[in-house]
Amino acid sequence: MKEVAIARVYAQSLLELGDEKKINIADELTKLTEVINKSNDLENVMFLELFTMEEKKVVFGEVAKKLNLSPVTTETVRYLIDEKRIGILPLIIKEVIVMDDERRGFMKGTIEGNGAEIDPAFKAKIEAFLKGKLGRDPHLEYVHNANLSAGYKVTIEDLQLDASLDNQLEQFKQSVLGE
């Protein structure tokens, strides 16, 4: 929990520095994450204690050059390496992306249903409804849930809309038994 709070402070500072310097930190960190995720060797060098700080900085320097990362991002990662805090980089990146999405008015969530896929028009209808209710632009991903009999569950952050048959039957049962 402490690491999440620390990552949040780094993320906020990075976003503020990026704003001052007119740099899109979220995009840079997304590119860096994609490169690290594609290479097990790079991930090992960056996060395992087998490699020295100098080796990590040299390898990262090459990656930063190829990705054309800004000095703000490059120096932040180097600082994390020097301070032996590179292990929280994934948490920092996650926090930066979440904060950046919030600033842009985006919300990420899921739609659960028992079908293999959802009708795109129906998904768009749900997103439009949520945008009208929440005032932010939701980006929903469909997830197959074999445990649902019929209907859908929509989850965005701490909001859950459950229009599944299972939920409706449970509510009916409670109303009958409760009275």
N, C-alpha and C. Protein backbone atom coordinates (compact mmCIF):
# COMPACT_ATOMS: atom_id res chain seq x y z
N MET A 1 0.82 -1.19 0.00
CA MET A 1 0.00 0.00 0.00
C MET A 1 0.86 1.25 0.00
N LYS A 2 1.96 1.19 0.73
CA LYS A 2 2.88 2.32 0.81
C LYS A 2 3.47 2.62 -0.58
N GLU A 3 3.79 1.55 -1.32
CA GLU A 3 4.36 1.73 -2.66
C GLU A 3 3.37 2.41 -3.60
N VAL A 4 2.09 2.11 -3.46
CA VAL A 4 1.08 2.75 -4.31
C VAL A 4 1.02 4.24 -4.01
N ALA A 5 1.09 4.61 -2.75
CA ALA A 5 1.07 6.03 -2.38
C ALA A 5 2.31 6.75 -2.92
N ILE A 6 3.46 6.08 -2.83
CA ILE A 6 4.70 6.66 -3.35
C ILE A 6 4.60 6.80 -4.87
N ALA A 7 4.08 5.77 -5.54
CA ALA A 7 3.94 5.81 -7.00
C ALA A 7 3.01 6.94 -7.41
N ARG A 8 1.97 7.17 -6.63
CA ARG A 8 1.01 8.24 -6.94
C ARG A 8 1.70 9.61 -6.87
N VAL A 9 2.58 9.79 -5.88
CA VAL A 9 3.30 11.07 -5.75
C VAL A 9 4.23 11.27 -6.95
N TYR A 10 4.98 10.21 -7.31
CA TYR A 10 5.84 10.31 -8.49
C TYR A 10 5.01 10.62 -9.74
N ALA A 11 3.89 9.94 -9.89
CA ALA A 11 3.05 10.12 -11.07
C ALA A 11 2.56 11.57 -11.17
N GLN A 12 2.06 12.09 -10.06
CA GLN A 12 1.57 13.47 -10.05
C GLN A 12 2.69 14.44 -10.40
N SER A 13 3.86 14.22 -9.83
CA SER A 13 5.00 15.10 -10.12
C SER A 13 5.40 15.01 -11.60
N LEU A 14 5.43 13.80 -12.12
CA LEU A 14 5.78 13.62 -13.53
C LEU A 14 4.79 14.33 -14.45
N LEU A 15 3.51 14.18 -14.17
CA LEU A 15 2.50 14.84 -15.00
C LEU A 15 2.64 16.36 -14.92
N GLU A 16 2.90 16.89 -13.74
CA GLU A 16 3.07 18.34 -13.60
C GLU A 16 4.31 18.83 -14.36
N LEU A 17 5.41 18.08 -14.24
CA LEU A 17 6.62 18.45 -14.99
C LEU A 17 6.36 18.37 -16.50
N GLY A 18 5.66 17.33 -16.91
CA GLY A 18 5.32 17.19 -18.32
C GLY A 18 4.48 18.34 -18.81
N ASP A 19 3.52 18.78 -18.00
CA ASP A 19 2.69 19.93 -18.38
C ASP A 19 3.54 21.19 -18.54
N GLU A 20 4.46 21.41 -17.60
CA GLU A 20 5.33 22.59 -17.67
C GLU A 20 6.18 22.59 -18.93
N LYS A 21 6.69 21.41 -19.29
CA LYS A 21 7.60 21.30 -20.43
C LYS A 21 6.87 20.96 -21.73
N LYS A 22 5.53 20.89 -21.68
CA LYS A 22 4.71 20.55 -22.86
C LYS A 22 5.07 19.17 -23.41
N ILE A 23 5.19 18.19 -22.51
CA ILE A 23 5.53 16.82 -22.88
C ILE A 23 4.38 15.91 -22.45
N ASN A 24 4.00 14.99 -23.33
CA ASN A 24 2.96 14.02 -22.99
C ASN A 24 3.62 12.82 -22.31
N ILE A 25 3.73 12.91 -21.00
CA ILE A 25 4.40 11.88 -20.20
C ILE A 25 3.68 10.54 -20.32
N ALA A 26 2.36 10.55 -20.33
CA ALA A 26 1.60 9.30 -20.41
C ALA A 26 1.94 8.54 -21.69
N ASP A 27 2.03 9.25 -22.82
CA ASP A 27 2.38 8.59 -24.08
C ASP A 27 3.80 8.02 -24.04
N GLU A 28 4.72 8.78 -23.46
CA GLU A 28 6.10 8.30 -23.38
C GLU A 28 6.20 7.05 -22.51
N LEU A 29 5.52 7.06 -21.38
CA LEU A 29 5.57 5.91 -20.49
C LEU A 29 4.83 4.70 -21.08
N THR A 30 3.81 4.96 -21.87
CA THR A 30 3.12 3.86 -22.56
C THR A 30 4.05 3.21 -23.56
N LYS A 31 4.79 4.02 -24.33
CA LYS A 31 5.77 3.47 -25.29
C LYS A 31 6.83 2.66 -24.56
N LEU A 32 7.33 3.18 -23.45
CA LEU A 32 8.35 2.48 -22.68
C LEU A 32 7.80 1.15 -22.16
N THR A 33 6.59 1.15 -21.65
CA THR A 33 5.97 -0.08 -21.15
C THR A 33 5.84 -1.12 -22.26
N GLU A 34 5.41 -0.68 -23.43
CA GLU A 34 5.25 -1.62 -24.55
C GLU A 34 6.58 -2.27 -24.91
N VAL A 35 7.65 -1.48 -24.92
CA VAL A 35 8.97 -2.02 -25.25
C VAL A 35 9.44 -2.99 -24.17
N ILE A 36 9.26 -2.62 -22.91
CA ILE A 36 9.68 -3.51 -21.81
C ILE A 36 8.88 -4.81 -21.85
N ASN A 37 7.58 -4.72 -22.11
CA ASN A 37 6.73 -5.91 -22.13
C ASN A 37 7.06 -6.84 -23.30
N LYS A 38 7.61 -6.30 -24.37
CA LYS A 38 7.94 -7.13 -25.54
C LYS A 38 9.26 -7.86 -25.37
N SER A 39 10.10 -7.43 -24.44
CA SER A 39 11.43 -8.01 -24.30
C SER A 39 11.68 -8.51 -22.88
N ASN A 40 11.71 -9.82 -22.74
CA ASN A 40 12.02 -10.40 -21.42
C ASN A 40 13.42 -9.99 -20.97
N ASP A 41 14.35 -9.92 -21.91
CA ASP A 41 15.73 -9.54 -21.55
C ASP A 41 15.76 -8.12 -20.98
N LEU A 42 15.07 -7.21 -21.64
CA LEU A 42 15.04 -5.83 -21.14
C LEU A 42 14.35 -5.77 -19.78
N GLU A 43 13.27 -6.49 -19.62
CA GLU A 43 12.57 -6.53 -18.34
C GLU A 43 13.49 -7.06 -17.24
N ASN A 44 14.25 -8.11 -17.55
CA ASN A 44 15.19 -8.67 -16.58
C ASN A 44 16.27 -7.67 -16.19
N VAL A 45 16.83 -7.00 -17.18
CA VAL A 45 17.88 -6.02 -16.89
C VAL A 45 17.33 -4.89 -16.01
N MET A 46 16.15 -4.43 -16.33
CA MET A 46 15.59 -3.29 -15.61
C MET A 46 15.18 -3.63 -14.18
N PHE A 47 14.64 -4.83 -13.95
CA PHE A 47 14.01 -5.09 -12.67
C PHE A 47 14.68 -6.15 -11.78
N LEU A 48 15.59 -6.93 -12.32
CA LEU A 48 16.26 -7.92 -11.49
C LEU A 48 17.51 -7.33 -10.85
N GLU A 49 17.82 -7.78 -9.67
CA GLU A 49 18.98 -7.29 -8.92
C GLU A 49 20.30 -7.88 -9.43
N LEU A 50 20.23 -8.76 -10.43
CA LEU A 50 21.44 -9.37 -10.98
C LEU A 50 22.33 -8.36 -11.69
N PHE A 51 21.74 -7.28 -12.13
CA PHE A 51 22.47 -6.29 -12.91
C PHE A 51 22.78 -5.07 -12.06
N THR A 52 23.95 -4.47 -12.32
CA THR A 52 24.36 -3.29 -11.56
C THR A 52 23.56 -2.08 -12.01
N MET A 53 23.60 -1.04 -11.20
CA MET A 53 22.93 0.21 -11.56
C MET A 53 23.49 0.76 -12.86
N GLU A 54 24.81 0.66 -13.03
CA GLU A 54 25.43 1.17 -14.26
C GLU A 54 24.95 0.41 -15.49
N GLU A 55 24.86 -0.92 -15.37
CA GLU A 55 24.37 -1.72 -16.50
C GLU A 55 22.92 -1.34 -16.83
N LYS A 56 22.12 -1.16 -15.82
CA LYS A 56 20.73 -0.77 -16.02
C LYS A 56 20.64 0.59 -16.71
N LYS A 57 21.46 1.54 -16.25
CA LYS A 57 21.41 2.89 -16.83
C LYS A 57 21.90 2.90 -18.28
N VAL A 58 22.93 2.10 -18.57
CA VAL A 58 23.43 2.03 -19.95
C VAL A 58 22.37 1.47 -20.87
N VAL A 59 21.77 0.35 -20.46
CA VAL A 59 20.73 -0.27 -21.29
C VAL A 59 19.53 0.66 -21.44
N PHE A 60 19.10 1.24 -20.32
CA PHE A 60 17.97 2.16 -20.40
C PHE A 60 18.30 3.36 -21.28
N GLY A 61 19.52 3.87 -21.20
CA GLY A 61 19.92 5.01 -22.04
C GLY A 61 19.75 4.72 -23.51
N GLU A 62 20.11 3.51 -23.93
CA GLU A 62 19.93 3.11 -25.33
C GLU A 62 18.46 3.03 -25.70
N VAL A 63 17.67 2.47 -24.81
CA VAL A 63 16.22 2.37 -25.05
C VAL A 63 15.61 3.77 -25.14
N ALA A 64 16.01 4.65 -24.23
CA ALA A 64 15.49 6.02 -24.20
C ALA A 64 15.81 6.75 -25.50
N LYS A 65 17.05 6.54 -26.02
CA LYS A 65 17.44 7.18 -27.29
C LYS A 65 16.57 6.69 -28.43
N LYS A 66 16.39 5.36 -28.49
CA LYS A 66 15.61 4.77 -29.59
C LYS A 66 14.14 5.20 -29.54
N LEU A 67 13.62 5.37 -28.33
CA LEU A 67 12.23 5.79 -28.19
C LEU A 67 12.07 7.31 -28.23
N ASN A 68 13.21 8.01 -28.25
CA ASN A 68 13.21 9.47 -28.26
C ASN A 68 12.45 10.03 -27.05
N LEU A 69 12.76 9.47 -25.88
CA LEU A 69 12.11 9.91 -24.65
C LEU A 69 12.66 11.28 -24.23
N SER A 70 11.81 12.05 -23.61
CA SER A 70 12.20 13.39 -23.16
C SER A 70 13.18 13.28 -21.99
N PRO A 71 13.93 14.35 -21.74
CA PRO A 71 14.83 14.36 -20.58
C PRO A 71 14.07 14.15 -19.26
N VAL A 72 12.85 14.62 -19.16
CA VAL A 72 12.07 14.44 -17.92
C VAL A 72 11.87 12.96 -17.64
N THR A 73 11.41 12.22 -18.64
CA THR A 73 11.17 10.78 -18.46
C THR A 73 12.49 10.04 -18.25
N THR A 74 13.48 10.37 -19.05
CA THR A 74 14.78 9.70 -18.96
C THR A 74 15.41 9.91 -17.60
N GLU A 75 15.44 11.12 -17.13
CA GLU A 75 16.07 11.41 -15.83
C GLU A 75 15.27 10.81 -14.67
N THR A 76 13.97 10.75 -14.81
CA THR A 76 13.15 10.13 -13.76
C THR A 76 13.49 8.65 -13.63
N VAL A 77 13.57 7.95 -14.75
CA VAL A 77 13.89 6.52 -14.70
C VAL A 77 15.31 6.32 -14.17
N ARG A 78 16.24 7.16 -14.60
CA ARG A 78 17.61 7.06 -14.07
C ARG A 78 17.64 7.29 -12.57
N TYR A 79 16.87 8.25 -12.11
CA TYR A 79 16.78 8.52 -10.68
C TYR A 79 16.24 7.30 -9.93
N LEU A 80 15.20 6.68 -10.48
CA LEU A 80 14.64 5.48 -9.85
C LEU A 80 15.68 4.36 -9.79
N ILE A 81 16.49 4.25 -10.82
CA ILE A 81 17.56 3.24 -10.82
C ILE A 81 18.57 3.57 -9.72
N ASP A 82 19.01 4.83 -9.68
CA ASP A 82 20.00 5.25 -8.67
C ASP A 82 19.50 5.04 -7.25
N GLU A 83 18.24 5.30 -7.03
CA GLU A 83 17.66 5.20 -5.68
C GLU A 83 17.15 3.80 -5.37
N LYS A 84 17.42 2.87 -6.27
CA LYS A 84 16.97 1.47 -6.12
C LYS A 84 15.46 1.37 -5.93
N ARG A 85 14.75 2.21 -6.68
CA ARG A 85 13.28 2.21 -6.65
C ARG A 85 12.71 1.86 -8.02
N ILE A 86 13.52 1.32 -8.88
CA ILE A 86 13.06 1.00 -10.23
C ILE A 86 11.90 0.00 -10.19
N GLY A 87 11.81 -0.79 -9.14
CA GLY A 87 10.74 -1.78 -9.01
C GLY A 87 9.35 -1.17 -8.97
N ILE A 88 9.24 0.12 -8.59
CA ILE A 88 7.91 0.74 -8.56
C ILE A 88 7.56 1.44 -9.87
N LEU A 89 8.45 1.35 -10.87
CA LEU A 89 8.16 1.98 -12.16
C LEU A 89 6.83 1.53 -12.75
N PRO A 90 6.50 0.22 -12.75
CA PRO A 90 5.19 -0.18 -13.30
C PRO A 90 4.02 0.47 -12.55
N LEU A 91 4.14 0.61 -11.23
CA LEU A 91 3.08 1.28 -10.47
C LEU A 91 2.97 2.75 -10.84
N ILE A 92 4.11 3.39 -11.03
CA ILE A 92 4.12 4.80 -11.41
C ILE A 92 3.46 4.96 -12.77
N ILE A 93 3.81 4.09 -13.71
CA ILE A 93 3.23 4.17 -15.05
C ILE A 93 1.72 3.99 -14.98
N LYS A 94 1.27 3.03 -14.21
CA LYS A 94 -0.18 2.79 -14.06
C LYS A 94 -0.86 4.04 -13.51
N GLU A 95 -0.27 4.63 -12.49
CA GLU A 95 -0.86 5.84 -11.88
C GLU A 95 -0.87 7.01 -12.87
N VAL A 96 0.21 7.17 -13.63
CA VAL A 96 0.26 8.25 -14.63
C VAL A 96 -0.87 8.07 -15.64
N ILE A 97 -1.07 6.86 -16.12
CA ILE A 97 -2.10 6.61 -17.13
C ILE A 97 -3.49 6.85 -16.55
N VAL A 98 -3.73 6.39 -15.32
CA VAL A 98 -5.03 6.62 -14.68
C VAL A 98 -5.28 8.11 -14.49
N MET A 99 -4.28 8.83 -13.98
CA MET A 99 -4.44 10.27 -13.76
C MET A 99 -4.64 11.02 -15.08
N ASP A 100 -3.89 10.60 -16.10
CA ASP A 100 -4.02 11.25 -17.41
C ASP A 100 -5.41 10.99 -18.00
N ASP A 101 -5.91 9.77 -17.87
CA ASP A 101 -7.26 9.47 -18.35
C ASP A 101 -8.30 10.31 -17.63
N GLU A 102 -8.14 10.45 -16.32
CA GLU A 102 -9.08 11.28 -15.54
C GLU A 102 -9.05 12.73 -16.01
N ARG A 103 -7.85 13.23 -16.24
CA ARG A 103 -7.72 14.62 -16.70
C ARG A 103 -8.36 14.82 -18.06
N ARG A 104 -8.32 13.81 -18.89
CA ARG A 104 -8.92 13.89 -20.23
C ARG A 104 -10.41 13.58 -20.21
N GLY A 105 -10.91 13.14 -19.07
CA GLY A 105 -12.34 12.84 -18.97
C GLY A 105 -12.69 11.43 -19.40
N PHE A 106 -11.70 10.54 -19.52
CA PHE A 106 -11.96 9.16 -19.91
C PHE A 106 -12.21 8.30 -18.69
N MET A 107 -13.03 7.29 -18.89
CA MET A 107 -13.27 6.28 -17.86
C MET A 107 -13.16 4.92 -18.53
N LYS A 108 -12.48 4.01 -17.87
CA LYS A 108 -12.36 2.66 -18.41
C LYS A 108 -13.22 1.72 -17.58
N GLY A 109 -13.81 0.75 -18.26
CA GLY A 109 -14.64 -0.21 -17.55
C GLY A 109 -14.89 -1.44 -18.39
N THR A 110 -15.75 -2.31 -17.88
CA THR A 110 -16.05 -3.55 -18.58
C THR A 110 -17.55 -3.75 -18.69
N ILE A 111 -17.92 -4.47 -19.73
CA ILE A 111 -19.28 -4.97 -19.88
C ILE A 111 -19.14 -6.49 -19.85
N GLU A 112 -19.85 -7.12 -18.93
CA GLU A 112 -19.83 -8.58 -18.85
C GLU A 112 -21.14 -9.13 -19.38
N GLY A 113 -21.04 -10.17 -20.18
CA GLY A 113 -22.22 -10.84 -20.70
C GLY A 113 -21.89 -12.29 -20.98
N ASN A 114 -22.93 -13.10 -21.26
CA ASN A 114 -22.67 -14.52 -21.48
C ASN A 114 -22.43 -14.87 -22.94
N GLY A 115 -22.59 -13.93 -23.83
CA GLY A 115 -22.34 -14.18 -25.25
C GLY A 115 -20.86 -14.06 -25.58
N ALA A 116 -20.49 -14.56 -26.75
CA ALA A 116 -19.10 -14.49 -27.19
C ALA A 116 -18.66 -13.05 -27.46
N GLU A 117 -19.62 -12.24 -27.89
CA GLU A 117 -19.32 -10.82 -28.17
C GLU A 117 -20.58 -10.01 -27.97
N ILE A 118 -20.42 -8.70 -27.99
CA ILE A 118 -21.55 -7.79 -27.81
C ILE A 118 -21.80 -7.04 -29.11
N ASP A 119 -23.05 -6.76 -29.37
CA ASP A 119 -23.42 -5.99 -30.56
C ASP A 119 -22.82 -4.58 -30.42
N PRO A 120 -22.03 -4.15 -31.40
CA PRO A 120 -21.39 -2.83 -31.31
C PRO A 120 -22.39 -1.67 -31.11
N ALA A 121 -23.56 -1.78 -31.72
CA ALA A 121 -24.56 -0.72 -31.57
C ALA A 121 -25.07 -0.68 -30.13
N PHE A 122 -25.26 -1.84 -29.52
CA PHE A 122 -25.70 -1.90 -28.12
C PHE A 122 -24.63 -1.35 -27.19
N LYS A 123 -23.37 -1.69 -27.47
CA LYS A 123 -22.25 -1.18 -26.67
C LYS A 123 -22.20 0.34 -26.76
N ALA A 124 -22.36 0.88 -27.96
CA ALA A 124 -22.35 2.33 -28.16
C ALA A 124 -23.50 2.98 -27.40
N LYS A 125 -24.65 2.31 -27.36
CA LYS A 125 -25.80 2.83 -26.64
C LYS A 125 -25.51 2.91 -25.13
N ILE A 126 -24.88 1.86 -24.59
CA ILE A 126 -24.51 1.86 -23.17
C ILE A 126 -23.51 2.98 -22.89
N GLU A 127 -22.50 3.13 -23.76
CA GLU A 127 -21.50 4.18 -23.56
C GLU A 127 -22.14 5.56 -23.61
N ALA A 128 -23.09 5.77 -24.54
CA ALA A 128 -23.76 7.07 -24.63
C ALA A 128 -24.59 7.35 -23.37
N PHE A 129 -25.27 6.32 -22.87
CA PHE A 129 -26.05 6.46 -21.64
C PHE A 129 -25.13 6.87 -20.48
N LEU A 130 -24.01 6.16 -20.34
CA LEU A 130 -23.08 6.44 -19.25
C LEU A 130 -22.45 7.83 -19.38
N LYS A 131 -22.15 8.23 -20.60
CA LYS A 131 -21.58 9.56 -20.81
C LYS A 131 -22.57 10.63 -20.37
N GLY A 132 -23.84 10.43 -20.69
CA GLY A 132 -24.87 11.38 -20.27
C GLY A 132 -25.04 11.43 -18.76
N LYS A 133 -24.95 10.28 -18.11
CA LYS A 133 -25.14 10.20 -16.66
C LYS A 133 -23.92 10.68 -15.88
N LEU A 134 -22.72 10.33 -16.38
CA LEU A 134 -21.49 10.59 -15.62
C LEU A 134 -20.73 11.83 -16.09
N GLY A 135 -21.05 12.29 -17.29
CA GLY A 135 -20.37 13.47 -17.81
C GLY A 135 -18.94 13.22 -18.25
N ARG A 136 -18.57 11.96 -18.36
CA ARG A 136 -17.23 11.59 -18.82
C ARG A 136 -17.37 10.54 -19.90
N ASP A 137 -16.34 10.40 -20.71
CA ASP A 137 -16.37 9.51 -21.86
C ASP A 137 -15.93 8.10 -21.46
N PRO A 138 -16.84 7.14 -21.37
CA PRO A 138 -16.45 5.78 -20.97
C PRO A 138 -15.88 4.97 -22.14
N HIS A 139 -14.87 4.19 -21.84
CA HIS A 139 -14.30 3.24 -22.80
C HIS A 139 -14.50 1.86 -22.20
N LEU A 140 -15.42 1.11 -22.77
CA LEU A 140 -15.79 -0.17 -22.21
C LEU A 140 -15.24 -1.33 -23.03
N GLU A 141 -14.76 -2.33 -22.32
CA GLU A 141 -14.23 -3.54 -22.95
C GLU A 141 -15.20 -4.67 -22.62
N TYR A 142 -15.53 -5.49 -23.61
CA TYR A 142 -16.45 -6.60 -23.39
C TYR A 142 -15.70 -7.80 -22.84
N VAL A 143 -16.27 -8.43 -21.81
CA VAL A 143 -15.69 -9.61 -21.18
C VAL A 143 -16.76 -10.70 -21.12
N HIS A 144 -16.43 -11.87 -21.65
CA HIS A 144 -17.36 -13.00 -21.59
C HIS A 144 -17.40 -13.55 -20.16
N ASN A 145 -18.61 -13.72 -19.63
CA ASN A 145 -18.80 -14.26 -18.28
C ASN A 145 -19.82 -15.39 -18.38
N ALA A 146 -19.34 -16.62 -18.38
CA ALA A 146 -20.21 -17.78 -18.54
C ALA A 146 -21.14 -17.96 -17.34
N ASN A 147 -20.87 -17.31 -16.22
CA ASN A 147 -21.71 -17.44 -15.03
C ASN A 147 -23.00 -16.62 -15.11
N LEU A 148 -23.10 -15.72 -16.07
CA LEU A 148 -24.33 -14.94 -16.23
C LEU A 148 -25.30 -15.71 -17.12
N SER A 149 -26.56 -15.80 -16.69
CA SER A 149 -27.57 -16.50 -17.49
C SER A 149 -27.95 -15.67 -18.71
N ALA A 150 -28.24 -14.41 -18.48
CA ALA A 150 -28.60 -13.49 -19.56
C ALA A 150 -28.43 -12.07 -19.04
N GLY A 151 -28.36 -11.13 -19.94
CA GLY A 151 -28.21 -9.73 -19.55
C GLY A 151 -26.75 -9.33 -19.45
N TYR A 152 -26.52 -8.17 -18.85
CA TYR A 152 -25.17 -7.60 -18.79
C TYR A 152 -24.90 -6.98 -17.43
N LYS A 153 -23.61 -6.93 -17.09
CA LYS A 153 -23.11 -6.19 -15.94
C LYS A 153 -22.11 -5.18 -16.48
N VAL A 154 -22.26 -3.93 -16.06
CA VAL A 154 -21.32 -2.89 -16.48
C VAL A 154 -20.61 -2.39 -15.23
N THR A 155 -19.29 -2.36 -15.28
CA THR A 155 -18.50 -1.88 -14.15
C THR A 155 -17.53 -0.81 -14.64
N ILE A 156 -17.64 0.37 -14.02
CA ILE A 156 -16.72 1.48 -14.30
C ILE A 156 -16.30 2.03 -12.96
N GLU A 157 -14.98 1.95 -12.70
CA GLU A 157 -14.44 2.39 -11.41
C GLU A 157 -15.26 1.76 -10.29
N ASP A 158 -15.91 2.55 -9.43
CA ASP A 158 -16.68 1.97 -8.33
C ASP A 158 -18.17 1.89 -8.63
N LEU A 159 -18.58 2.14 -9.84
CA LEU A 159 -19.98 2.07 -10.25
C LEU A 159 -20.24 0.73 -10.92
N GLN A 160 -21.31 0.04 -10.47
CA GLN A 160 -21.68 -1.20 -11.14
C GLN A 160 -23.18 -1.16 -11.43
N LEU A 161 -23.49 -1.39 -12.70
CA LEU A 161 -24.88 -1.51 -13.13
C LEU A 161 -25.10 -2.96 -13.50
N ASP A 162 -26.01 -3.61 -12.80
CA ASP A 162 -26.22 -5.04 -13.00
C ASP A 162 -27.61 -5.26 -13.58
N ALA A 163 -27.66 -5.45 -14.89
CA ALA A 163 -28.92 -5.72 -15.59
C ALA A 163 -28.96 -7.18 -16.03
N SER A 164 -28.37 -8.04 -15.21
CA SER A 164 -28.37 -9.46 -15.55
C SER A 164 -29.66 -10.11 -15.05
N LEU A 165 -30.04 -11.18 -15.69
CA LEU A 165 -31.22 -11.94 -15.27
C LEU A 165 -31.02 -12.47 -13.86
N ASP A 166 -29.79 -12.92 -13.56
CA ASP A 166 -29.49 -13.43 -12.23
C ASP A 166 -29.76 -12.38 -11.16
N ASN A 167 -29.35 -11.15 -11.38
CA ASN A 167 -29.57 -10.08 -10.43
C ASN A 167 -31.06 -9.76 -10.29
N GLN A 168 -31.76 -9.74 -11.39
CA GLN A 168 -33.20 -9.44 -11.34
C GLN A 168 -33.96 -10.53 -10.58
N LEU A 169 -33.59 -11.78 -10.79
CA LEU A 169 -34.22 -12.88 -10.06
C LEU A 169 -33.90 -12.79 -8.57
N GLU A 170 -32.67 -12.43 -8.23
CA GLU A 170 -32.27 -12.28 -6.83
C GLU A 170 -33.06 -11.15 -6.17
N GLN A 171 -33.22 -10.04 -6.87
CA GLN A 171 -34.00 -8.93 -6.32
C GLN A 171 -35.46 -9.31 -6.13
N PHE A 172 -36.01 -10.07 -7.09
CA PHE A 172 -37.39 -10.52 -6.97
C PHE A 172 -37.53 -11.45 -5.76
N LYS A 173 -36.59 -12.37 -5.62
CA LYS A 173 -36.59 -13.30 -4.49
C LYS A 173 -36.56 -12.54 -3.17
N GLN A 174 -35.70 -11.53 -3.07
CA GLN A 174 -35.59 -10.73 -1.85
C GLN A 174 -36.89 -9.96 -1.56
N SER A 175 -37.51 -9.47 -2.62
CA SER A 175 -38.75 -8.72 -2.41
C SER A 175 -39.87 -9.63 -1.93
N VAL A 176 -39.91 -10.85 -2.41
CA VAL A 176 -40.93 -11.80 -2.00
C VAL A 176 -40.67 -12.29 -0.57
N LEU A 177 -39.43 -12.67 -0.30
CA LEU A 177 -39.07 -13.20 1.01
C LEU A 177 -39.01 -12.12 2.08
N GLY A 178 -38.67 -10.92 1.68
CA GLY A 178 -38.49 -9.82 2.62
C GLY A 178 -39.79 -9.28 3.18
N GLU A 179 -40.90 -9.51 2.52
CA GLU A 179 -42.18 -8.96 2.97
C GLU A 179 -43.05 -9.95 3.64
